Amino acid sequence: MPKNEGLKSYHIGNKRDTISACRSWVNKLNKLNKLNKLNKLNKLNSLYLYSDE
């Protein structure tokens, strides 16, 4: 499989559409990562708070 095989399917519209689509995906991933980090911190905090019981 050539290197750019997977990217070609995203070039249906013009390149500007492709770039904006990539940016929106990056934004979604960043938001998910932030939420996951917050959830992990909350779990760690709750474990720490309730570890004395």
C-alpha atoms as a PDB file:
ATOM      1  CA  MET A   1       0.000   0.000   0.000  1.00  0.00           C
ATOM      2  CA  PRO A   2       1.469   3.388  -1.003  1.00  0.00           C
ATOM      3  CA  LYS A   3       2.136   5.960   1.704  1.00  0.00           C
ATOM      4  CA  ASN A   4      -0.655   8.371   0.752  1.00  0.00           C
ATOM      5  CA  GLU A   5      -3.329   5.769  -0.007  1.00  0.00           C
ATOM      6  CA  GLY A   6      -5.349   6.578   3.118  1.00  0.00           C
ATOM      7  CA  LEU A   7      -5.162  10.331   2.590  1.00  0.00           C
ATOM      8  CA  LYS A   8      -6.468  10.265  -0.987  1.00  0.00           C
ATOM      9  CA  SER A   9     -10.016   9.422   0.094  1.00  0.00           C
ATOM     10  CA  TYR A  10     -10.185  12.682   2.073  1.00  0.00           C
ATOM     11  CA  HIS A  11      -9.317  14.804  -0.979  1.00  0.00           C
ATOM     12  CA  ILE A  12     -12.805  14.528  -2.488  1.00  0.00           C
ATOM     13  CA  GLY A  13     -13.474  18.241  -1.925  1.00  0.00           C
ATOM     14  CA  ASN A  14     -10.905  20.958  -2.302  1.00  0.00           C
ATOM     15  CA  LYS A  15      -7.843  21.115  -0.097  1.00  0.00           C
ATOM     16  CA  ARG A  16      -9.321  23.845   2.073  1.00  0.00           C
ATOM     17  CA  ASP A  17     -12.155  21.493   3.064  1.00  0.00           C
ATOM     18  CA  THR A  18      -9.614  18.816   3.888  1.00  0.00           C
ATOM     19  CA  ILE A  19      -7.622  21.174   6.088  1.00  0.00           C
ATOM     20  CA  SER A  20     -10.713  22.393   7.941  1.00  0.00           C
ATOM     21  CA  ALA A  21     -11.882  18.805   8.424  1.00  0.00           C
ATOM     22  CA  CYS A  22      -8.492  17.884   9.858  1.00  0.00           C
ATOM     23  CA  ARG A  23      -8.605  20.892  12.177  1.00  0.00           C
ATOM     24  CA  SER A  24     -12.061  19.995  13.457  1.00  0.00           C
ATOM     25  CA  TRP A  25     -10.888  16.428  14.136  1.00  0.00           C
ATOM     26  CA  VAL A  26      -7.828  17.744  15.968  1.00  0.00           C
ATOM     27  CA  ASN A  27     -10.058  19.992  18.073  1.00  0.00           C
ATOM     28  CA  LYS A  28     -12.328  17.051  18.918  1.00  0.00           C
ATOM     29  CA  LEU A  29      -9.358  14.886  19.865  1.00  0.00           C
ATOM     30  CA  ASN A  30      -7.885  17.653  22.016  1.00  0.00           C
ATOM     31  CA  LYS A  31     -11.198  18.082  23.841  1.00  0.00           C
ATOM     32  CA  LEU A  32     -11.428  14.324  24.421  1.00  0.00           C
ATOM     33  CA  ASN A  33      -7.858  14.231  25.716  1.00  0.00           C
ATOM     34  CA  LYS A  34      -8.570  17.106  28.116  1.00  0.00           C
ATOM     35  CA  LEU A  35     -11.708  15.363  29.382  1.00  0.00           C
ATOM     36  CA  ASN A  36      -9.818  12.103  29.851  1.00  0.00           C
ATOM     37  CA  LYS A  37      -7.065  13.873  31.780  1.00  0.00           C
ATOM     38  CA  LEU A  38      -9.647  15.577  34.005  1.00  0.00           C
ATOM     39  CA  ASN A  39     -11.395  12.257  34.635  1.00  0.00           C
ATOM     40  CA  LYS A  40      -8.102  10.599  35.548  1.00  0.00           C
ATOM     41  CA  LEU A  41      -7.262  13.450  37.926  1.00  0.00           C
ATOM     42  CA  ASN A  42     -10.696  13.217  39.537  1.00  0.00           C
ATOM     43  CA  LYS A  43     -10.314   9.460  39.998  1.00  0.00           C
ATOM     44  CA  LEU A  44      -6.880   9.921  41.534  1.00  0.00           C
ATOM     45  CA  ASN A  45      -8.217  12.623  43.861  1.00  0.00           C
ATOM     46  CA  SER A  46     -11.160  10.497  44.966  1.00  0.00           C
ATOM     47  CA  LEU A  47      -8.861   7.523  45.593  1.00  0.00           C
ATOM     48  CA  TYR A  48      -6.578   9.756  47.624  1.00  0.00           C
ATOM     49  CA  LEU A  49      -9.449  11.277  49.611  1.00  0.00           C
ATOM     50  CA  TYR A  50     -11.084   7.952  50.453  1.00  0.00           C
ATOM     51  CA  SER A  51      -7.926   5.939  51.066  1.00  0.00           C
ATOM     52  CA  ASP A  52      -8.047   6.653  54.816  1.00  0.00           C
ATOM     53  CA  GLU A  53     -11.278   4.689  55.348  1.00  0.00           C
END
